[in-house]
PDB file of N, CA and C in Angstrom:
ATOM      1  N   UNK A   1     -23.489   6.835 -47.370  1.00  0.00           N
ATOM      2  CA  UNK A   1     -22.688   6.208 -48.527  1.00  0.00           C
ATOM      3  C   UNK A   1     -23.285   6.346 -50.142  1.00  0.00           C
ATOM      4  N   UNK A   2     -22.202   5.900 -50.695  1.00  0.00           N
ATOM      5  CA  UNK A   2     -22.180   6.731 -52.045  1.00  0.00           C
ATOM      6  C   UNK A   2     -21.641   4.754 -52.945  1.00  0.00           C
ATOM      7  N   UNK A   3     -22.349   4.524 -53.541  1.00  0.00           N
ATOM      8  CA  UNK A   3     -22.384   3.285 -54.239  1.00  0.00           C
ATOM      9  C   UNK A   3     -21.854   3.418 -55.614  1.00  0.00           C
ATOM     10  N   UNK A   4     -19.818   3.903 -55.811  1.00  0.00           N
ATOM     11  CA  UNK A   4     -20.044   3.497 -57.290  1.00  0.00           C
ATOM     12  C   UNK A   4     -19.495   2.428 -58.056  1.00  0.00           C
ATOM     13  N   UNK A   5     -19.755   1.342 -57.643  1.00  0.00           N
ATOM     14  CA  UNK A   5     -19.858   0.206 -57.978  1.00  0.00           C
ATOM     15  C   UNK A   5     -19.958  -0.170 -59.352  1.00  0.00           C
ATOM     16  N   UNK A   6     -21.367   0.298 -59.752  1.00  0.00           N
ATOM     17  CA  UNK A   6     -21.809   0.398 -61.556  1.00  0.00           C
ATOM     18  C   UNK A   6     -21.023   1.455 -61.873  1.00  0.00           C
ATOM     19  N   UNK A   7     -21.062   2.468 -61.239  1.00  0.00           N
ATOM     20  CA  UNK A   7     -20.932   3.515 -61.972  1.00  0.00           C
ATOM     21  C   UNK A   7     -19.335   2.714 -62.759  1.00  0.00           C
ATOM     22  N   UNK A   8     -18.517   2.943 -62.374  1.00  0.00           N
ATOM     23  CA  UNK A   8     -17.178   2.123 -62.331  1.00  0.00           C
ATOM     24  C   UNK A   8     -17.165   1.117 -63.558  1.00  0.00           C
ATOM     25  N   UNK A   9     -18.147   0.036 -63.222  1.00  0.00           N
ATOM     26  CA  UNK A   9     -17.657  -1.255 -64.271  1.00  0.00           C
ATOM     27  C   UNK A   9     -18.318  -0.521 -65.538  1.00  0.00           C
ATOM     28  N   UNK A  10     -19.336   0.353 -65.363  1.00  0.00           N
ATOM     29  CA  UNK A  10     -19.742   0.744 -66.383  1.00  0.00           C
ATOM     30  C   UNK A  10     -19.286   1.345 -67.353  1.00  0.00           C
ATOM     31  N   UNK A  11     -18.817   2.147 -66.670  1.00  0.00           N
ATOM     32  CA  UNK A  11     -17.021   2.908 -67.712  1.00  0.00           C
ATOM     33  C   UNK A  11     -16.371   2.048 -67.904  1.00  0.00           C
ATOM     34  N   UNK A  12     -15.699   1.685 -67.231  1.00  0.00           N
ATOM     35  CA  UNK A  12     -14.650   0.663 -67.827  1.00  0.00           C
ATOM     36  C   UNK A  12     -14.918  -0.435 -68.534  1.00  0.00           C
ATOM     37  N   UNK A  13     -15.938  -0.938 -68.576  1.00  0.00           N
ATOM     38  CA  UNK A  13     -16.627  -1.540 -69.233  1.00  0.00           C
ATOM     39  C   UNK A  13     -17.550  -0.728 -70.976  1.00  0.00           C
ATOM     40  N   UNK A  14     -17.758   0.365 -70.982  1.00  0.00           N
ATOM     41  CA  UNK A  14     -17.819   1.391 -72.058  1.00  0.00           C
ATOM     42  C   UNK A  14     -16.173   1.342 -72.975  1.00  0.00           C
ATOM     43  N   UNK A  15     -15.017   1.530 -72.172  1.00  0.00           N
ATOM     44  CA  UNK A  15     -14.033   2.136 -72.421  1.00  0.00           C
ATOM     45  C   UNK A  15     -13.494   0.992 -72.831  1.00  0.00           C
ATOM     46  N   UNK A  16     -13.296  -0.322 -72.750  1.00  0.00           N
ATOM     47  CA  UNK A  16     -13.025  -1.381 -72.955  1.00  0.00           C
ATOM     48  C   UNK A  16     -13.834  -1.537 -74.916  1.00  0.00           C
ATOM     49  N   UNK A  17     -14.985  -1.788 -74.565  1.00  0.00           N
ATOM     50  CA  UNK A  17     -16.026  -2.147 -75.837  1.00  0.00           C
ATOM     51  C   UNK A  17     -15.851  -1.253 -76.300  1.00  0.00           C
ATOM     52  N   UNK A  18     -15.589  -0.357 -77.171  1.00  0.00           N
ATOM     53  CA  UNK A  18     -15.894   0.966 -77.535  1.00  0.00           C
ATOM     54  C   UNK A  18     -15.248  -0.022 -79.126  1.00  0.00           C
ATOM     55  N   UNK A  19     -16.226   0.130 -80.389  1.00  0.00           N
ATOM     56  CA  UNK A  19     -15.877  -0.603 -81.529  1.00  0.00           C
ATOM     57  C   UNK A  19     -14.466   0.296 -81.931  1.00  0.00           C
ATOM     58  N   UNK A  20     -13.606  -1.160 -82.433  1.00  0.00           N
ATOM     59  CA  UNK A  20     -12.671  -0.243 -83.246  1.00  0.00           C
ATOM     60  C   UNK A  20     -11.361   0.549 -82.246  1.00  0.00           C
ATOM     61  N   UNK A  21     -11.719   0.940 -80.962  1.00  0.00           N
ATOM     62  CA  UNK A  21     -10.554   1.043 -79.974  1.00  0.00           C
ATOM     63  C   UNK A  21      -9.544   0.087 -79.989  1.00  0.00           C
ATOM     64  N   UNK A  22      -9.785  -1.180 -79.084  1.00  0.00           N
ATOM     65  CA  UNK A  22      -8.974  -1.921 -79.195  1.00  0.00           C
ATOM     66  C   UNK A  22      -9.430  -3.067 -79.775  1.00  0.00           C
ATOM     67  N   UNK A  23     -10.580  -3.219 -79.894  1.00  0.00           N
ATOM     68  CA  UNK A  23     -10.667  -4.875 -80.964  1.00  0.00           C
ATOM     69  C   UNK A  23     -12.317  -4.207 -81.037  1.00  0.00           C
ATOM     70  N   UNK A  24     -12.660  -5.058 -82.714  1.00  0.00           N
ATOM     71  CA  UNK A  24     -13.692  -4.821 -83.516  1.00  0.00           C
ATOM     72  C   UNK A  24     -13.758  -6.186 -83.928  1.00  0.00           C
ATOM     73  N   UNK A  25     -15.485  -6.402 -83.278  1.00  0.00           N
ATOM     74  CA  UNK A  25     -16.138  -7.680 -84.056  1.00  0.00           C
ATOM     75  C   UNK A  25     -17.548  -7.550 -84.490  1.00  0.00           C
ATOM     76  N   UNK A  26     -17.695  -7.832 -85.349  1.00  0.00           N
ATOM     77  CA  UNK A  26     -17.179  -8.167 -86.842  1.00  0.00           C
ATOM     78  C   UNK A  26     -16.111  -6.830 -87.685  1.00  0.00           C
ATOM     79  N   UNK A  27     -15.180  -7.067 -87.990  1.00  0.00           N
ATOM     80  CA  UNK A  27     -14.207  -6.251 -88.847  1.00  0.00           C
ATOM     81  C   UNK A  27     -14.669  -6.198 -89.886  1.00  0.00           C
ATOM     82  N   UNK A  28     -13.956  -5.347 -90.878  1.00  0.00           N
ATOM     83  CA  UNK A  28     -14.241  -4.701 -92.186  1.00  0.00           C
ATOM     84  C   UNK A  28     -13.596  -5.801 -93.221  1.00  0.00           C
ATOM     85  N   UNK A  29     -13.088  -6.652 -93.059  1.00  0.00           N
ATOM     86  CA  UNK A  29     -12.083  -7.429 -93.640  1.00  0.00           C
ATOM     87  C   UNK A  29     -12.200  -9.058 -92.746  1.00  0.00           C
ATOM     88  N   UNK A  30     -12.032  -9.205 -91.746  1.00  0.00           N
ATOM     89  CA  UNK A  30     -11.745 -10.089 -90.869  1.00  0.00           C
ATOM     90  C   UNK A  30     -12.764 -10.115 -90.084  1.00  0.00           C
ATOM     91  N   UNK A  31     -12.735 -11.542 -88.873  1.00  0.00           N
ATOM     92  CA  UNK A  31     -13.475 -11.633 -88.100  1.00  0.00           C
ATOM     93  C   UNK A  31     -13.208 -10.736 -87.047  1.00  0.00           C
ATOM     94  N   UNK A  32     -12.544 -10.638 -86.634  1.00  0.00           N
ATOM     95  CA  UNK A  32     -12.128  -9.691 -85.677  1.00  0.00           C
ATOM     96  C   UNK A  32     -10.731  -9.116 -86.018  1.00  0.00           C
ATOM     97  N   UNK A  33     -10.680  -7.898 -85.646  1.00  0.00           N
ATOM     98  CA  UNK A  33      -9.866  -6.877 -85.647  1.00  0.00           C
ATOM     99  C   UNK A  33      -9.246  -6.149 -84.885  1.00  0.00           C
ATOM    100  N   UNK A  34      -7.943  -5.500 -84.254  1.00  0.00           N
ATOM    101  CA  UNK A  34      -7.374  -5.176 -83.238  1.00  0.00           C
ATOM    102  C   UNK A  34      -7.230  -3.885 -83.985  1.00  0.00           C
ATOM    103  N   UNK A  35      -7.919  -2.488 -82.841  1.00  0.00           N
ATOM    104  CA  UNK A  35      -6.892  -0.904 -83.417  1.00  0.00           C
ATOM    105  C   UNK A  35      -6.919  -0.775 -84.615  1.00  0.00           C
ATOM    106  N   UNK A  36      -8.033  -1.200 -84.732  1.00  0.00           N
ATOM    107  CA  UNK A  36      -8.156  -0.289 -86.444  1.00  0.00           C
ATOM    108  C   UNK A  36      -8.912   1.283 -86.426  1.00  0.00           C
ATOM    109  N   UNK A  37      -9.547   1.855 -85.809  1.00  0.00           N
ATOM    110  CA  UNK A  37     -10.224   2.928 -85.330  1.00  0.00           C
ATOM    111  C   UNK A  37     -11.484   3.122 -86.132  1.00  0.00           C
ATOM    112  N   UNK A  38     -11.310   2.173 -86.570  1.00  0.00           N
ATOM    113  CA  UNK A  38     -13.397   2.360 -87.819  1.00  0.00           C
ATOM    114  C   UNK A  38     -14.676   1.290 -86.876  1.00  0.00           C
ATOM    115  N   UNK A  39     -15.464   1.502 -87.842  1.00  0.00           N
ATOM    116  CA  UNK A  39     -16.456   0.968 -87.090  1.00  0.00           C
ATOM    117  C   UNK A  39     -17.812   0.808 -87.956  1.00  0.00           C
ATOM    118  N   UNK A  40     -18.636   0.058 -88.037  1.00  0.00           N
ATOM    119  CA  UNK A  40     -19.760  -0.231 -88.037  1.00  0.00           C
ATOM    120  C   UNK A  40     -21.200  -0.849 -87.971  1.00  0.00           C
ATOM    121  N   UNK A  41     -22.526  -0.591 -88.540  1.00  0.00           N
ATOM    122  CA  UNK A  41     -23.590  -0.726 -87.610  1.00  0.00           C
ATOM    123  C   UNK A  41     -23.606  -2.233 -87.176  1.00  0.00           C
ATOM    124  N   UNK A  42     -23.265  -2.940 -87.792  1.00  0.00           N
ATOM    125  CA  UNK A  42     -23.509  -4.390 -87.368  1.00  0.00           C
ATOM    126  C   UNK A  42     -22.216  -4.497 -85.600  1.00  0.00           C
ATOM    127  N   UNK A  43     -21.145  -3.765 -85.967  1.00  0.00           N
ATOM    128  CA  UNK A  43     -20.058  -3.818 -84.909  1.00  0.00           C
ATOM    129  C   UNK A  43     -20.889  -3.207 -83.874  1.00  0.00           C
ATOM    130  N   UNK A  44     -21.609  -2.470 -83.820  1.00  0.00           N
ATOM    131  CA  UNK A  44     -21.861  -1.601 -82.768  1.00  0.00           C
ATOM    132  C   UNK A  44     -22.920  -2.468 -82.348  1.00  0.00           C
ATOM    133  N   UNK A  45     -23.491  -2.501 -82.659  1.00  0.00           N
ATOM    134  CA  UNK A  45     -24.501  -4.009 -82.234  1.00  0.00           C
ATOM    135  C   UNK A  45     -23.785  -5.207 -81.674  1.00  0.00           C
ATOM    136  N   UNK A  46     -23.278  -5.633 -81.801  1.00  0.00           N
ATOM    137  CA  UNK A  46     -22.263  -6.606 -81.187  1.00  0.00           C
ATOM    138  C   UNK A  46     -22.025  -6.534 -80.030  1.00  0.00           C
ATOM    139  N   UNK A  47     -21.178  -4.819 -80.000  1.00  0.00           N
ATOM    140  CA  UNK A  47     -20.670  -4.685 -78.736  1.00  0.00           C
ATOM    141  C   UNK A  47     -21.411  -4.251 -78.059  1.00  0.00           C
ATOM    142  N   UNK A  48     -22.971  -3.316 -78.409  1.00  0.00           N
ATOM    143  CA  UNK A  48     -23.539  -3.373 -77.556  1.00  0.00           C
ATOM    144  C   UNK A  48     -24.396  -4.474 -76.984  1.00  0.00           C
ATOM    145  N   UNK A  49     -24.218  -5.542 -77.394  1.00  0.00           N
ATOM    146  CA  UNK A  49     -25.178  -6.832 -77.120  1.00  0.00           C
ATOM    147  C   UNK A  49     -24.276  -6.958 -75.412  1.00  0.00           C
ATOM    148  N   UNK A  50     -22.563  -7.126 -76.293  1.00  0.00           N
ATOM    149  CA  UNK A  50     -21.761  -7.582 -75.255  1.00  0.00           C
ATOM    150  C   UNK A  50     -21.456  -6.699 -74.270  1.00  0.00           C
ATOM    151  N   UNK A  51     -21.305  -5.349 -74.460  1.00  0.00           N
ATOM    152  CA  UNK A  51     -21.693  -4.512 -73.118  1.00  0.00           C
ATOM    153  C   UNK A  51     -23.283  -4.854 -72.206  1.00  0.00           C
ATOM    154  N   UNK A  52     -24.180  -5.374 -72.601  1.00  0.00           N
ATOM    155  CA  UNK A  52     -24.957  -5.311 -72.545  1.00  0.00           C
ATOM    156  C   UNK A  52     -25.131  -6.590 -71.551  1.00  0.00           C
ATOM    157  N   UNK A  53     -24.534  -7.461 -71.948  1.00  0.00           N
ATOM    158  CA  UNK A  53     -24.335  -8.900 -71.483  1.00  0.00           C
ATOM    159  C   UNK A  53     -23.387  -8.707 -70.053  1.00  0.00           C
ATOM    160  N   UNK A  54     -22.287  -7.951 -70.129  1.00  0.00           N
ATOM    161  CA  UNK A  54     -21.510  -8.320 -68.672  1.00  0.00           C
ATOM    162  C   UNK A  54     -21.712  -7.371 -68.488  1.00  0.00           C
ATOM    163  N   UNK A  55     -22.452  -6.021 -68.253  1.00  0.00           N
ATOM    164  CA  UNK A  55     -23.119  -5.141 -67.234  1.00  0.00           C
ATOM    165  C   UNK A  55     -24.163  -6.120 -66.080  1.00  0.00           C
ATOM    166  N   UNK A  56     -24.881  -6.609 -67.177  1.00  0.00           N
ATOM    167  CA  UNK A  56     -25.859  -7.801 -66.559  1.00  0.00           C
ATOM    168  C   UNK A  56     -25.140  -8.858 -65.506  1.00  0.00           C
ATOM    169  N   UNK A  57     -24.602  -9.237 -65.832  1.00  0.00           N
ATOM    170  CA  UNK A  57     -23.272 -10.596 -65.069  1.00  0.00           C
ATOM    171  C   UNK A  57     -22.409  -9.702 -63.810  1.00  0.00           C
ATOM    172  N   UNK A  58     -21.729  -8.330 -64.154  1.00  0.00           N
ATOM    173  CA  UNK A  58     -21.182  -7.844 -63.001  1.00  0.00           C
ATOM    174  C   UNK A  58     -22.312  -7.218 -61.867  1.00  0.00           C
ATOM    175  N   UNK A  59     -23.203  -6.790 -62.224  1.00  0.00           N
ATOM    176  CA  UNK A  59     -23.300  -5.608 -61.614  1.00  0.00           C
ATOM    177  C   UNK A  59     -25.086  -6.747 -60.563  1.00  0.00           C
ATOM    178  N   UNK A  60     -25.672  -7.651 -61.790  1.00  0.00           N
ATOM    179  CA  UNK A  60     -26.414  -8.509 -60.866  1.00  0.00           C
ATOM    180  C   UNK A  60     -26.192  -9.623 -60.332  1.00  0.00           C
ATOM    181  N   UNK A  61     -25.515 -10.153 -61.306  1.00  0.00           N
ATOM    182  CA  UNK A  61     -25.044 -11.905 -60.713  1.00  0.00           C
ATOM    183  C   UNK A  61     -24.243 -11.691 -59.519  1.00  0.00           C
ATOM    184  N   UNK A  62     -22.995 -10.894 -60.159  1.00  0.00           N
ATOM    185  CA  UNK A  62     -22.078 -11.318 -58.868  1.00  0.00           C
ATOM    186  C   UNK A  62     -22.516 -10.104 -58.053  1.00  0.00           C
ATOM    187  N   UNK A  63     -22.976  -8.663 -58.614  1.00  0.00           N
ATOM    188  CA  UNK A  63     -23.005  -8.131 -57.317  1.00  0.00           C
ATOM    189  C   UNK A  63     -21.767  -6.935 -57.009  1.00  0.00           C
ATOM    190  N   UNK A  64     -21.450  -6.194 -58.341  1.00  0.00           N
ATOM    191  CA  UNK A  64     -20.030  -5.436 -57.526  1.00  0.00           C
ATOM    192  C   UNK A  64     -20.430  -4.051 -56.743  1.00  0.00           C
ATOM    193  N   UNK A  65     -19.890  -3.664 -55.339  1.00  0.00           N
ATOM    194  CA  UNK A  65     -20.090  -3.159 -55.257  1.00  0.00           C
ATOM    195  C   UNK A  65     -18.684  -1.747 -54.655  1.00  0.00           C
ATOM    196  N   UNK A  66     -19.034  -0.354 -54.637  1.00  0.00           N
ATOM    197  CA  UNK A  66     -17.617  -0.131 -54.588  1.00  0.00           C
ATOM    198  C   UNK A  66     -18.211   1.483 -53.813  1.00  0.00           C
ATOM    199  N   UNK A  67     -18.101   1.311 -51.941  1.00  0.00           N
ATOM    200  CA  UNK A  67     -18.356   2.373 -51.449  1.00  0.00           C
ATOM    201  C   UNK A  67     -17.055   3.618 -51.117  1.00  0.00           C
ATOM    202  N   UNK A  68     -17.726   4.760 -50.668  1.00  0.00           N
ATOM    203  CA  UNK A  68     -16.682   5.497 -50.912  1.00  0.00           C
ATOM    204  C   UNK A  68     -17.477   6.711 -49.841  1.00  0.00           C
ATOM    205  N   UNK A  69     -16.003   7.236 -49.034  1.00  0.00           N
ATOM    206  CA  UNK A  69     -16.942   8.524 -48.308  1.00  0.00           C
ATOM    207  C   UNK A  69     -17.236   7.571 -46.497  1.00  0.00           C
ATOM    208  N   UNK A  70     -18.210   8.140 -45.891  1.00  0.00           N
ATOM    209  CA  UNK A  70     -17.666   8.158 -44.386  1.00  0.00           C
ATOM    210  C   UNK A  70     -19.327   7.755 -44.208  1.00  0.00           C
TER     211      UNK A  70
END
């Protein structure tokens, strides 16, 4: 059996936390901007830290597992 939990969680969080796609923290003119399709170095750093924290919580603390196959 293959454990697809880590792959699924990582891909979904990567899509949701891509800076500028849905949300950008910090934004160019405001603290939080939505859907501006722009990014900065600080925004990439903040989103990377949030991504790392959420991946650790979901995979290590909660332990999400998804098994496929027989």
